[in-house]
Amino acid sequence: MDGMAMTLPIDDAANEYLTRSPLALLIGMVLDQQVPLEKAFSSPYVLAQRLGHEPSAVELAGFDAEGLVEIFGRTPALHRFPKAMAARVQEVCQVLVDRYGGEAAGLWDGVETGGELLKRVGALPGFGKQKAQIFVALLGKQYGVQPDGWREAAGAYGEVGSHRSVADITDTDSLTKVREFKQSVKAAAKAKG
């Protein structure tokens, strides 16, 4: 990371954890569905607090499945679907162990092109094309991971000045713009369908 700091409109300690822990950032992205993004990206910090330490991918991949579900499900739950998302986090961590030596940064370390980065991210459990493009944009815009062609690989999410996803959120004003964009997309889809 090139000294960039996450500046999502969440707790400062949660942002700091996302900034220094590639695994926390990746877990936040895994959880970023069907919950507000503030919840998704603050949950890695809450998970570390509940465990009493910052977990590694190796630890989470090998964690007792029922035990992890219990931790995810404690009030307030880390996600709307704690059982499913605990399992998804374990699956993603297992891929990190199997392919990247247990290091989340292994996803992007040494990647030479945006297309290669998109392919790696898209191979993670639960990462379809759109989610993979958003994560590539997040890595490029806020984490300093910018291999050749990363903006193109991220599609519209990589555009300069866009307000389409978490990749573009740096404060409450940009959060509002992203929410407005998402609402306009939903309204257009509803009008069409």
N, C-alpha and C. Protein backbone atom coordinates (compact mmCIF):
# COMPACT_ATOMS: atom_id res chain seq x y z
N MET A 1 0.85 -1.18 0.00
CA MET A 1 0.00 0.00 0.00
C MET A 1 0.89 1.23 0.00
N ASP A 2 0.51 2.23 -0.74
CA ASP A 2 1.33 3.41 -0.89
C ASP A 2 0.98 4.49 0.13
N GLY A 3 0.82 4.12 1.38
CA GLY A 3 0.55 5.10 2.42
C GLY A 3 -0.83 5.72 2.36
N MET A 4 -1.72 5.16 1.55
CA MET A 4 -3.07 5.70 1.47
C MET A 4 -3.86 5.20 2.68
N ALA A 5 -4.81 6.01 3.10
CA ALA A 5 -5.62 5.64 4.26
C ALA A 5 -7.08 5.54 3.85
N MET A 6 -7.74 4.51 4.36
CA MET A 6 -9.17 4.39 4.12
C MET A 6 -9.88 5.52 4.87
N THR A 7 -10.87 6.11 4.22
CA THR A 7 -11.58 7.24 4.82
C THR A 7 -13.09 7.05 4.67
N LEU A 8 -13.54 5.83 4.88
CA LEU A 8 -14.98 5.58 4.83
C LEU A 8 -15.64 6.25 6.02
N PRO A 9 -16.92 6.60 5.90
CA PRO A 9 -17.62 7.24 7.02
C PRO A 9 -18.01 6.20 8.08
N ILE A 10 -16.96 5.61 8.69
CA ILE A 10 -17.14 4.64 9.77
C ILE A 10 -16.17 5.02 10.88
N ASP A 11 -16.18 4.27 11.96
CA ASP A 11 -15.30 4.49 13.09
C ASP A 11 -13.84 4.61 12.66
N ASP A 12 -13.11 5.56 13.25
CA ASP A 12 -11.70 5.77 12.89
C ASP A 12 -10.87 4.51 13.08
N ALA A 13 -11.12 3.78 14.17
CA ALA A 13 -10.35 2.55 14.43
C ALA A 13 -10.63 1.51 13.35
N ALA A 14 -11.87 1.43 12.88
CA ALA A 14 -12.22 0.49 11.81
C ALA A 14 -11.53 0.89 10.51
N ASN A 15 -11.50 2.18 10.20
CA ASN A 15 -10.80 2.66 9.00
C ASN A 15 -9.31 2.36 9.09
N GLU A 16 -8.73 2.56 10.26
CA GLU A 16 -7.31 2.31 10.44
C GLU A 16 -7.01 0.83 10.22
N TYR A 17 -7.88 -0.03 10.71
CA TYR A 17 -7.70 -1.47 10.53
C TYR A 17 -7.79 -1.83 9.05
N LEU A 18 -8.77 -1.27 8.35
CA LEU A 18 -8.90 -1.53 6.91
C LEU A 18 -7.66 -1.04 6.16
N THR A 19 -7.10 0.08 6.60
CA THR A 19 -5.93 0.66 5.94
C THR A 19 -4.72 -0.25 6.05
N ARG A 20 -4.50 -0.82 7.22
CA ARG A 20 -3.27 -1.59 7.43
C ARG A 20 -3.44 -3.09 7.25
N SER A 21 -4.69 -3.57 7.14
CA SER A 21 -4.89 -5.01 7.01
C SER A 21 -5.58 -5.35 5.69
N PRO A 22 -4.83 -5.84 4.72
CA PRO A 22 -5.46 -6.26 3.48
C PRO A 22 -6.57 -7.30 3.70
N LEU A 23 -6.39 -8.17 4.69
CA LEU A 23 -7.42 -9.17 4.98
C LEU A 23 -8.70 -8.50 5.47
N ALA A 24 -8.57 -7.50 6.33
CA ALA A 24 -9.76 -6.78 6.82
C ALA A 24 -10.50 -6.13 5.65
N LEU A 25 -9.74 -5.51 4.73
CA LEU A 25 -10.36 -4.87 3.58
C LEU A 25 -11.11 -5.90 2.73
N LEU A 26 -10.47 -7.04 2.50
CA LEU A 26 -11.10 -8.09 1.70
C LEU A 26 -12.35 -8.64 2.39
N ILE A 27 -12.28 -8.86 3.70
CA ILE A 27 -13.46 -9.34 4.43
C ILE A 27 -14.58 -8.32 4.34
N GLY A 28 -14.25 -7.04 4.46
CA GLY A 28 -15.27 -6.00 4.30
C GLY A 28 -15.96 -6.10 2.96
N MET A 29 -15.17 -6.34 1.90
CA MET A 29 -15.75 -6.48 0.57
C MET A 29 -16.60 -7.74 0.46
N VAL A 30 -16.16 -8.82 1.08
CA VAL A 30 -16.96 -10.04 1.09
C VAL A 30 -18.33 -9.76 1.72
N LEU A 31 -18.33 -9.01 2.81
CA LEU A 31 -19.57 -8.75 3.56
C LEU A 31 -20.44 -7.66 2.92
N ASP A 32 -19.90 -6.97 1.92
CA ASP A 32 -20.61 -5.83 1.31
C ASP A 32 -21.68 -6.31 0.33
N GLN A 33 -22.75 -6.87 0.89
CA GLN A 33 -23.93 -7.21 0.11
C GLN A 33 -25.09 -7.37 1.07
N GLN A 34 -26.19 -6.78 0.71
CA GLN A 34 -27.44 -6.86 1.46
C GLN A 34 -27.33 -6.28 2.87
N VAL A 35 -26.33 -5.45 3.10
CA VAL A 35 -26.22 -4.65 4.33
C VAL A 35 -25.63 -3.30 3.93
N PRO A 36 -25.86 -2.26 4.74
CA PRO A 36 -25.21 -0.97 4.44
C PRO A 36 -23.69 -1.13 4.45
N LEU A 37 -23.02 -0.39 3.58
CA LEU A 37 -21.58 -0.55 3.47
C LEU A 37 -20.87 -0.21 4.77
N GLU A 38 -21.44 0.70 5.56
CA GLU A 38 -20.82 1.02 6.84
C GLU A 38 -20.76 -0.23 7.72
N LYS A 39 -21.81 -1.02 7.68
CA LYS A 39 -21.86 -2.27 8.45
C LYS A 39 -20.83 -3.25 7.91
N ALA A 40 -20.81 -3.43 6.60
CA ALA A 40 -19.90 -4.39 5.98
C ALA A 40 -18.44 -4.08 6.30
N PHE A 41 -18.06 -2.81 6.17
CA PHE A 41 -16.65 -2.47 6.31
C PHE A 41 -16.23 -2.18 7.76
N SER A 42 -17.16 -2.06 8.67
CA SER A 42 -16.79 -1.96 10.09
C SER A 42 -16.77 -3.34 10.75
N SER A 43 -17.43 -4.32 10.15
CA SER A 43 -17.50 -5.66 10.75
C SER A 43 -16.15 -6.37 10.89
N PRO A 44 -15.17 -6.18 9.99
CA PRO A 44 -13.86 -6.82 10.23
C PRO A 44 -13.23 -6.37 11.56
N TYR A 45 -13.40 -5.09 11.88
CA TYR A 45 -12.87 -4.57 13.15
C TYR A 45 -13.61 -5.19 14.33
N VAL A 46 -14.93 -5.29 14.21
CA VAL A 46 -15.72 -5.90 15.28
C VAL A 46 -15.34 -7.37 15.44
N LEU A 47 -15.11 -8.07 14.33
CA LEU A 47 -14.67 -9.46 14.38
C LEU A 47 -13.37 -9.58 15.16
N ALA A 48 -12.40 -8.72 14.87
CA ALA A 48 -11.12 -8.75 15.58
C ALA A 48 -11.33 -8.49 17.07
N GLN A 49 -12.22 -7.55 17.40
CA GLN A 49 -12.50 -7.28 18.82
C GLN A 49 -13.10 -8.51 19.49
N ARG A 50 -14.02 -9.17 18.83
CA ARG A 50 -14.66 -10.35 19.41
C ARG A 50 -13.67 -11.50 19.59
N LEU A 51 -12.73 -11.62 18.67
CA LEU A 51 -11.72 -12.67 18.78
C LEU A 51 -10.64 -12.32 19.81
N GLY A 52 -10.50 -11.04 20.09
CA GLY A 52 -9.46 -10.58 21.02
C GLY A 52 -8.12 -10.36 20.35
N HIS A 53 -8.06 -10.49 19.03
CA HIS A 53 -6.84 -10.27 18.25
C HIS A 53 -7.22 -10.17 16.77
N GLU A 54 -6.27 -9.70 15.99
CA GLU A 54 -6.51 -9.61 14.55
C GLU A 54 -6.27 -10.98 13.93
N PRO A 55 -7.29 -11.55 13.31
CA PRO A 55 -7.13 -12.90 12.77
C PRO A 55 -6.33 -12.93 11.47
N SER A 56 -5.75 -14.07 11.20
CA SER A 56 -5.09 -14.29 9.92
C SER A 56 -6.03 -15.11 9.04
N ALA A 57 -5.72 -15.15 7.76
CA ALA A 57 -6.52 -15.98 6.84
C ALA A 57 -6.38 -17.45 7.21
N VAL A 58 -5.20 -17.85 7.65
CA VAL A 58 -4.98 -19.24 8.05
C VAL A 58 -5.88 -19.59 9.23
N GLU A 59 -5.94 -18.69 10.21
CA GLU A 59 -6.79 -18.93 11.38
C GLU A 59 -8.26 -19.03 10.98
N LEU A 60 -8.73 -18.09 10.18
CA LEU A 60 -10.15 -18.09 9.81
C LEU A 60 -10.50 -19.28 8.93
N ALA A 61 -9.60 -19.66 8.03
CA ALA A 61 -9.87 -20.81 7.16
C ALA A 61 -10.03 -22.08 7.99
N GLY A 62 -9.25 -22.20 9.06
CA GLY A 62 -9.29 -23.40 9.87
C GLY A 62 -10.18 -23.31 11.10
N PHE A 63 -10.87 -22.19 11.25
CA PHE A 63 -11.70 -21.97 12.44
C PHE A 63 -12.86 -22.96 12.46
N ASP A 64 -13.25 -23.40 13.64
CA ASP A 64 -14.44 -24.24 13.77
C ASP A 64 -15.63 -23.51 13.16
N ALA A 65 -16.27 -24.12 12.18
CA ALA A 65 -17.34 -23.44 11.43
C ALA A 65 -18.47 -22.98 12.35
N GLU A 66 -18.93 -23.84 13.23
CA GLU A 66 -20.02 -23.45 14.14
C GLU A 66 -19.58 -22.34 15.08
N GLY A 67 -18.34 -22.39 15.52
CA GLY A 67 -17.81 -21.34 16.39
C GLY A 67 -17.77 -19.99 15.68
N LEU A 68 -17.38 -20.01 14.41
CA LEU A 68 -17.33 -18.75 13.66
C LEU A 68 -18.73 -18.21 13.42
N VAL A 69 -19.69 -19.08 13.15
CA VAL A 69 -21.08 -18.65 13.00
C VAL A 69 -21.56 -17.99 14.29
N GLU A 70 -21.21 -18.57 15.41
CA GLU A 70 -21.61 -18.01 16.71
C GLU A 70 -21.03 -16.61 16.89
N ILE A 71 -19.77 -16.43 16.52
CA ILE A 71 -19.12 -15.11 16.64
C ILE A 71 -19.79 -14.11 15.70
N PHE A 72 -20.07 -14.52 14.48
CA PHE A 72 -20.73 -13.64 13.51
C PHE A 72 -22.14 -13.29 13.96
N GLY A 73 -22.80 -14.21 14.66
CA GLY A 73 -24.19 -14.02 15.02
C GLY A 73 -24.44 -13.29 16.32
N ARG A 74 -23.39 -13.05 17.11
CA ARG A 74 -23.59 -12.33 18.37
C ARG A 74 -24.20 -10.97 18.10
N THR A 75 -25.03 -10.51 19.02
CA THR A 75 -25.68 -9.22 18.87
C THR A 75 -24.69 -8.09 19.15
N PRO A 76 -24.61 -7.10 18.26
CA PRO A 76 -25.23 -7.07 16.93
C PRO A 76 -24.47 -7.96 15.95
N ALA A 77 -25.21 -8.70 15.16
CA ALA A 77 -24.61 -9.62 14.19
C ALA A 77 -23.70 -8.85 13.23
N LEU A 78 -22.66 -9.52 12.75
CA LEU A 78 -21.72 -8.90 11.82
C LEU A 78 -22.32 -8.73 10.43
N HIS A 79 -23.41 -9.44 10.17
CA HIS A 79 -24.07 -9.35 8.87
C HIS A 79 -25.51 -9.80 9.03
N ARG A 80 -26.34 -9.39 8.12
CA ARG A 80 -27.74 -9.80 8.12
C ARG A 80 -27.90 -11.32 8.04
N PHE A 81 -26.96 -11.98 7.36
CA PHE A 81 -26.96 -13.43 7.22
C PHE A 81 -25.66 -13.98 7.82
N PRO A 82 -25.58 -14.05 9.15
CA PRO A 82 -24.30 -14.41 9.78
C PRO A 82 -23.81 -15.81 9.43
N LYS A 83 -24.69 -16.78 9.30
CA LYS A 83 -24.25 -18.15 9.00
C LYS A 83 -23.64 -18.22 7.60
N ALA A 84 -24.35 -17.68 6.63
CA ALA A 84 -23.87 -17.71 5.24
C ALA A 84 -22.59 -16.91 5.08
N MET A 85 -22.50 -15.76 5.74
CA MET A 85 -21.33 -14.92 5.54
C MET A 85 -20.12 -15.42 6.32
N ALA A 86 -20.34 -16.06 7.45
CA ALA A 86 -19.21 -16.69 8.14
C ALA A 86 -18.61 -17.77 7.25
N ALA A 87 -19.48 -18.56 6.61
CA ALA A 87 -19.01 -19.60 5.69
C ALA A 87 -18.29 -18.99 4.50
N ARG A 88 -18.80 -17.89 3.96
CA ARG A 88 -18.17 -17.24 2.80
C ARG A 88 -16.79 -16.71 3.17
N VAL A 89 -16.68 -16.09 4.33
CA VAL A 89 -15.38 -15.58 4.78
C VAL A 89 -14.40 -16.74 4.90
N GLN A 90 -14.84 -17.86 5.44
CA GLN A 90 -13.97 -19.04 5.55
C GLN A 90 -13.54 -19.53 4.18
N GLU A 91 -14.47 -19.57 3.23
CA GLU A 91 -14.15 -20.02 1.87
C GLU A 91 -13.10 -19.12 1.22
N VAL A 92 -13.29 -17.81 1.36
CA VAL A 92 -12.34 -16.85 0.78
C VAL A 92 -10.97 -17.02 1.44
N CYS A 93 -10.96 -17.16 2.76
CA CYS A 93 -9.69 -17.34 3.47
C CYS A 93 -9.01 -18.64 3.05
N GLN A 94 -9.78 -19.67 2.77
CA GLN A 94 -9.19 -20.94 2.30
C GLN A 94 -8.52 -20.75 0.95
N VAL A 95 -9.13 -19.96 0.07
CA VAL A 95 -8.49 -19.66 -1.22
C VAL A 95 -7.18 -18.91 -0.99
N LEU A 96 -7.18 -17.97 -0.05
CA LEU A 96 -5.95 -17.24 0.26
C LEU A 96 -4.86 -18.19 0.74
N VAL A 97 -5.24 -19.15 1.57
CA VAL A 97 -4.28 -20.13 2.07
C VAL A 97 -3.77 -21.01 0.93
N ASP A 98 -4.68 -21.49 0.11
CA ASP A 98 -4.32 -22.42 -0.97
C ASP A 98 -3.49 -21.78 -2.08
N ARG A 99 -3.80 -20.51 -2.41
CA ARG A 99 -3.18 -19.89 -3.58
C ARG A 99 -2.18 -18.78 -3.28
N TYR A 100 -2.31 -18.15 -2.11
CA TYR A 100 -1.51 -16.94 -1.85
C TYR A 100 -0.78 -16.98 -0.51
N GLY A 101 -0.46 -18.17 -0.04
CA GLY A 101 0.30 -18.29 1.20
C GLY A 101 -0.40 -17.71 2.41
N GLY A 102 -1.73 -17.63 2.34
CA GLY A 102 -2.49 -17.09 3.46
C GLY A 102 -2.49 -15.57 3.55
N GLU A 103 -1.97 -14.91 2.52
CA GLU A 103 -1.86 -13.45 2.54
C GLU A 103 -2.86 -12.81 1.58
N ALA A 104 -3.74 -11.97 2.11
CA ALA A 104 -4.72 -11.29 1.25
C ALA A 104 -4.01 -10.42 0.21
N ALA A 105 -2.92 -9.78 0.60
CA ALA A 105 -2.18 -8.94 -0.35
C ALA A 105 -1.59 -9.76 -1.50
N GLY A 106 -1.51 -11.07 -1.31
CA GLY A 106 -1.04 -11.93 -2.39
C GLY A 106 -1.94 -11.87 -3.62
N LEU A 107 -3.19 -11.47 -3.40
CA LEU A 107 -4.12 -11.29 -4.53
C LEU A 107 -3.58 -10.28 -5.53
N TRP A 108 -2.93 -9.24 -5.02
CA TRP A 108 -2.48 -8.17 -5.92
C TRP A 108 -0.97 -8.01 -5.98
N ASP A 109 -0.22 -8.55 -5.04
CA ASP A 109 1.24 -8.43 -5.11
C ASP A 109 1.77 -9.06 -6.40
N GLY A 110 2.56 -8.30 -7.11
CA GLY A 110 3.19 -8.83 -8.32
C GLY A 110 2.28 -8.89 -9.54
N VAL A 111 1.05 -8.45 -9.41
CA VAL A 111 0.14 -8.44 -10.56
C VAL A 111 0.58 -7.33 -11.51
N GLU A 112 0.71 -7.68 -12.78
CA GLU A 112 1.21 -6.70 -13.75
C GLU A 112 0.12 -5.96 -14.51
N THR A 113 -1.07 -6.56 -14.61
CA THR A 113 -2.14 -5.90 -15.37
C THR A 113 -3.44 -5.89 -14.58
N GLY A 114 -4.27 -4.92 -14.90
CA GLY A 114 -5.59 -4.86 -14.29
C GLY A 114 -6.42 -6.08 -14.63
N GLY A 115 -6.25 -6.60 -15.85
CA GLY A 115 -6.99 -7.80 -16.25
C GLY A 115 -6.63 -9.00 -15.39
N GLU A 116 -5.34 -9.13 -15.07
CA GLU A 116 -4.90 -10.23 -14.22
C GLU A 116 -5.47 -10.06 -12.80
N LEU A 117 -5.45 -8.82 -12.30
CA LEU A 117 -6.01 -8.56 -10.97
C LEU A 117 -7.50 -8.89 -10.93
N LEU A 118 -8.22 -8.45 -11.95
CA LEU A 118 -9.66 -8.74 -12.02
C LEU A 118 -9.91 -10.25 -12.06
N LYS A 119 -9.09 -10.96 -12.79
CA LYS A 119 -9.24 -12.42 -12.88
C LYS A 119 -9.02 -13.07 -11.52
N ARG A 120 -7.99 -12.63 -10.80
CA ARG A 120 -7.71 -13.19 -9.47
C ARG A 120 -8.86 -12.91 -8.50
N VAL A 121 -9.30 -11.67 -8.48
CA VAL A 121 -10.38 -11.29 -7.56
C VAL A 121 -11.67 -12.01 -7.94
N GLY A 122 -11.94 -12.09 -9.25
CA GLY A 122 -13.15 -12.75 -9.72
C GLY A 122 -13.19 -14.24 -9.46
N ALA A 123 -12.04 -14.83 -9.15
CA ALA A 123 -11.99 -16.26 -8.85
C ALA A 123 -12.33 -16.55 -7.38
N LEU A 124 -12.49 -15.50 -6.57
CA LEU A 124 -12.83 -15.70 -5.16
C LEU A 124 -14.30 -16.10 -5.02
N PRO A 125 -14.61 -16.94 -4.04
CA PRO A 125 -16.01 -17.32 -3.81
C PRO A 125 -16.87 -16.08 -3.54
N GLY A 126 -17.99 -16.00 -4.26
CA GLY A 126 -18.93 -14.89 -4.05
C GLY A 126 -18.61 -13.63 -4.83
N PHE A 127 -17.54 -13.63 -5.60
CA PHE A 127 -17.17 -12.44 -6.37
C PHE A 127 -17.54 -12.63 -7.83
N GLY A 128 -18.69 -12.09 -8.21
CA GLY A 128 -19.07 -12.05 -9.61
C GLY A 128 -18.33 -10.91 -10.28
N LYS A 129 -18.63 -10.66 -11.54
CA LYS A 129 -17.92 -9.62 -12.30
C LYS A 129 -18.06 -8.25 -11.66
N GLN A 130 -19.27 -7.87 -11.29
CA GLN A 130 -19.49 -6.53 -10.73
C GLN A 130 -18.73 -6.35 -9.41
N LYS A 131 -18.86 -7.31 -8.51
CA LYS A 131 -18.18 -7.20 -7.22
C LYS A 131 -16.66 -7.19 -7.41
N ALA A 132 -16.16 -7.99 -8.33
CA ALA A 132 -14.72 -8.01 -8.61
C ALA A 132 -14.27 -6.66 -9.16
N GLN A 133 -15.05 -6.08 -10.06
CA GLN A 133 -14.69 -4.77 -10.61
C GLN A 133 -14.70 -3.69 -9.52
N ILE A 134 -15.67 -3.75 -8.64
CA ILE A 134 -15.72 -2.77 -7.54
C ILE A 134 -14.48 -2.91 -6.66
N PHE A 135 -14.08 -4.15 -6.36
CA PHE A 135 -12.90 -4.33 -5.51
C PHE A 135 -11.63 -3.87 -6.22
N VAL A 136 -11.51 -4.11 -7.51
CA VAL A 136 -10.36 -3.61 -8.27
C VAL A 136 -10.34 -2.08 -8.21
N ALA A 137 -11.50 -1.45 -8.36
CA ALA A 137 -11.59 0.01 -8.27
C ALA A 137 -11.22 0.49 -6.87
N LEU A 138 -11.70 -0.20 -5.85
CA LEU A 138 -11.38 0.17 -4.47
C LEU A 138 -9.87 0.07 -4.23
N LEU A 139 -9.27 -1.02 -4.70
CA LEU A 139 -7.82 -1.18 -4.55
C LEU A 139 -7.07 -0.06 -5.27
N GLY A 140 -7.51 0.29 -6.46
CA GLY A 140 -6.83 1.31 -7.24
C GLY A 140 -7.03 2.71 -6.69
N LYS A 141 -8.26 3.05 -6.37
CA LYS A 141 -8.56 4.41 -5.95
C LYS A 141 -8.16 4.71 -4.51
N GLN A 142 -8.27 3.73 -3.63
CA GLN A 142 -8.04 4.03 -2.22
C GLN A 142 -6.88 3.27 -1.59
N TYR A 143 -6.36 2.26 -2.26
CA TYR A 143 -5.31 1.44 -1.67
C TYR A 143 -3.99 1.56 -2.42
N GLY A 144 -4.01 2.26 -3.55
CA GLY A 144 -2.78 2.46 -4.31
C GLY A 144 -2.32 1.27 -5.12
N VAL A 145 -3.21 0.29 -5.32
CA VAL A 145 -2.88 -0.89 -6.13
C VAL A 145 -3.32 -0.57 -7.56
N GLN A 146 -2.34 -0.19 -8.40
CA GLN A 146 -2.67 0.33 -9.72
C GLN A 146 -1.83 -0.29 -10.84
N PRO A 147 -2.02 -1.60 -11.08
CA PRO A 147 -1.29 -2.19 -12.21
C PRO A 147 -1.81 -1.60 -13.53
N ASP A 148 -1.02 -1.74 -14.58
CA ASP A 148 -1.43 -1.21 -15.89
C ASP A 148 -2.84 -1.70 -16.24
N GLY A 149 -3.70 -0.77 -16.64
CA GLY A 149 -5.04 -1.12 -17.10
C GLY A 149 -6.04 -1.39 -15.99
N TRP A 150 -5.71 -1.00 -14.75
CA TRP A 150 -6.64 -1.30 -13.65
C TRP A 150 -7.97 -0.56 -13.82
N ARG A 151 -7.93 0.68 -14.30
CA ARG A 151 -9.19 1.42 -14.48
C ARG A 151 -10.08 0.73 -15.52
N GLU A 152 -9.49 0.29 -16.61
CA GLU A 152 -10.25 -0.40 -17.64
C GLU A 152 -10.82 -1.71 -17.10
N ALA A 153 -10.03 -2.43 -16.32
CA ALA A 153 -10.49 -3.70 -15.74
C ALA A 153 -11.65 -3.46 -14.78
N ALA A 154 -11.62 -2.34 -14.09
CA ALA A 154 -12.69 -2.01 -13.15
C ALA A 154 -13.95 -1.50 -13.84
N GLY A 155 -13.88 -1.29 -15.14
CA GLY A 155 -15.05 -0.81 -15.88
C GLY A 155 -15.46 0.58 -15.41
N ALA A 156 -16.74 0.84 -15.39
CA ALA A 156 -17.25 2.16 -14.99
C ALA A 156 -16.85 2.50 -13.55
N TYR A 157 -16.61 1.48 -12.73
CA TYR A 157 -16.22 1.73 -11.33
C TYR A 157 -14.83 2.35 -11.23
N GLY A 158 -14.03 2.21 -12.27
CA GLY A 158 -12.68 2.78 -12.27
C GLY A 158 -12.61 4.21 -12.78
N GLU A 159 -13.72 4.73 -13.29
CA GLU A 159 -13.71 6.08 -13.87
C GLU A 159 -13.35 7.14 -12.83
N VAL A 160 -12.55 8.11 -13.27
CA VAL A 160 -12.19 9.24 -12.42
C VAL A 160 -13.45 10.07 -12.16
N GLY A 161 -13.65 10.45 -10.90
CA GLY A 161 -14.77 11.32 -10.54
C GLY A 161 -16.12 10.63 -10.47
N SER A 162 -16.15 9.33 -10.63
CA SER A 162 -17.44 8.63 -10.55
C SER A 162 -17.86 8.47 -9.09
N HIS A 163 -19.12 8.25 -8.91
CA HIS A 163 -19.68 7.98 -7.57
C HIS A 163 -20.62 6.80 -7.69
N ARG A 164 -20.03 5.62 -7.93
CA ARG A 164 -20.81 4.41 -8.19
C ARG A 164 -20.74 3.37 -7.09
N SER A 165 -19.68 3.38 -6.28
CA SER A 165 -19.46 2.27 -5.34
C SER A 165 -18.62 2.71 -4.15
N VAL A 166 -18.35 1.77 -3.28
CA VAL A 166 -17.50 2.02 -2.11
C VAL A 166 -16.13 2.55 -2.52
N ALA A 167 -15.69 2.25 -3.72
CA ALA A 167 -14.39 2.72 -4.19
C ALA A 167 -14.32 4.24 -4.24
N ASP A 168 -15.48 4.89 -4.32
CA ASP A 168 -15.54 6.34 -4.48
C ASP A 168 -15.88 7.08 -3.19
N ILE A 169 -16.03 6.35 -2.10
CA ILE A 169 -16.48 6.97 -0.85
C ILE A 169 -15.29 7.35 0.02
N THR A 170 -15.20 8.65 0.28
CA THR A 170 -14.13 9.16 1.14
C THR A 170 -14.67 10.00 2.29
N ASP A 171 -15.97 10.31 2.25
CA ASP A 171 -16.58 11.11 3.31
C ASP A 171 -18.10 10.99 3.18
N THR A 172 -18.82 11.71 4.02
CA THR A 172 -20.29 11.58 3.98
C THR A 172 -20.88 12.17 2.70
N ASP A 173 -20.25 13.20 2.13
CA ASP A 173 -20.75 13.78 0.89
C ASP A 173 -20.65 12.77 -0.26
N SER A 174 -19.51 12.12 -0.39
CA SER A 174 -19.36 11.13 -1.46
C SER A 174 -20.24 9.91 -1.20
N LEU A 175 -20.46 9.55 0.06
CA LEU A 175 -21.39 8.47 0.39
C LEU A 175 -22.79 8.81 -0.11
N THR A 176 -23.22 10.05 0.12
CA THR A 176 -24.54 10.49 -0.35
C THR A 176 -24.63 10.39 -1.86
N LYS A 177 -23.57 10.81 -2.57
CA LYS A 177 -23.57 10.75 -4.04
C LYS A 177 -23.65 9.31 -4.54
N VAL A 178 -22.93 8.39 -3.88
CA VAL A 178 -22.99 6.98 -4.28
C VAL A 178 -24.39 6.44 -4.03
N ARG A 179 -24.98 6.77 -2.89
CA ARG A 179 -26.34 6.30 -2.60
C ARG A 179 -27.34 6.84 -3.62
N GLU A 180 -27.19 8.11 -4.00
CA GLU A 180 -28.07 8.70 -5.01
C GLU A 180 -27.92 7.98 -6.35
N PHE A 181 -26.68 7.66 -6.72
CA PHE A 181 -26.44 6.94 -7.97
C PHE A 181 -27.13 5.58 -7.93
N LYS A 182 -26.94 4.84 -6.83
CA LYS A 182 -27.55 3.51 -6.71
C LYS A 182 -29.07 3.59 -6.76
N GLN A 183 -29.64 4.61 -6.13
CA GLN A 183 -31.10 4.78 -6.16
C GLN A 183 -31.58 5.08 -7.57
N SER A 184 -30.82 5.87 -8.32
CA SER A 184 -31.22 6.19 -9.69
C SER A 184 -31.16 4.95 -10.58
N VAL A 185 -30.17 4.09 -10.35
CA VAL A 185 -30.07 2.84 -11.11
C VAL A 185 -31.25 1.94 -10.80
N LYS A 186 -31.61 1.82 -9.52
CA LYS A 186 -32.76 1.00 -9.11
C LYS A 186 -34.04 1.54 -9.71
N ALA A 187 -34.20 2.85 -9.67
CA ALA A 187 -35.42 3.46 -10.21
C ALA A 187 -35.53 3.23 -11.71
N ALA A 188 -34.41 3.35 -12.41
CA ALA A 188 -34.41 3.12 -13.86
C ALA A 188 -34.75 1.66 -14.18
N ALA A 189 -34.21 0.75 -13.39
CA ALA A 189 -34.48 -0.68 -13.61
C ALA A 189 -35.95 -0.98 -13.32
N LYS A 190 -36.49 -0.36 -12.29
CA LYS A 190 -37.90 -0.58 -11.94
C LYS A 190 -38.80 -0.03 -13.03
N ALA A 191 -38.47 1.14 -13.55
CA ALA A 191 -39.27 1.76 -14.61
C ALA A 191 -39.23 0.91 -15.88
N LYS A 192 -38.09 0.31 -16.13
CA LYS A 192 -37.91 -0.51 -17.33
C LYS A 192 -38.68 -1.84 -17.22
N GLY A 193 -38.60 -2.45 -16.00
CA GLY A 193 -39.17 -3.78 -15.81
C GLY A 193 -40.62 -3.75 -15.51
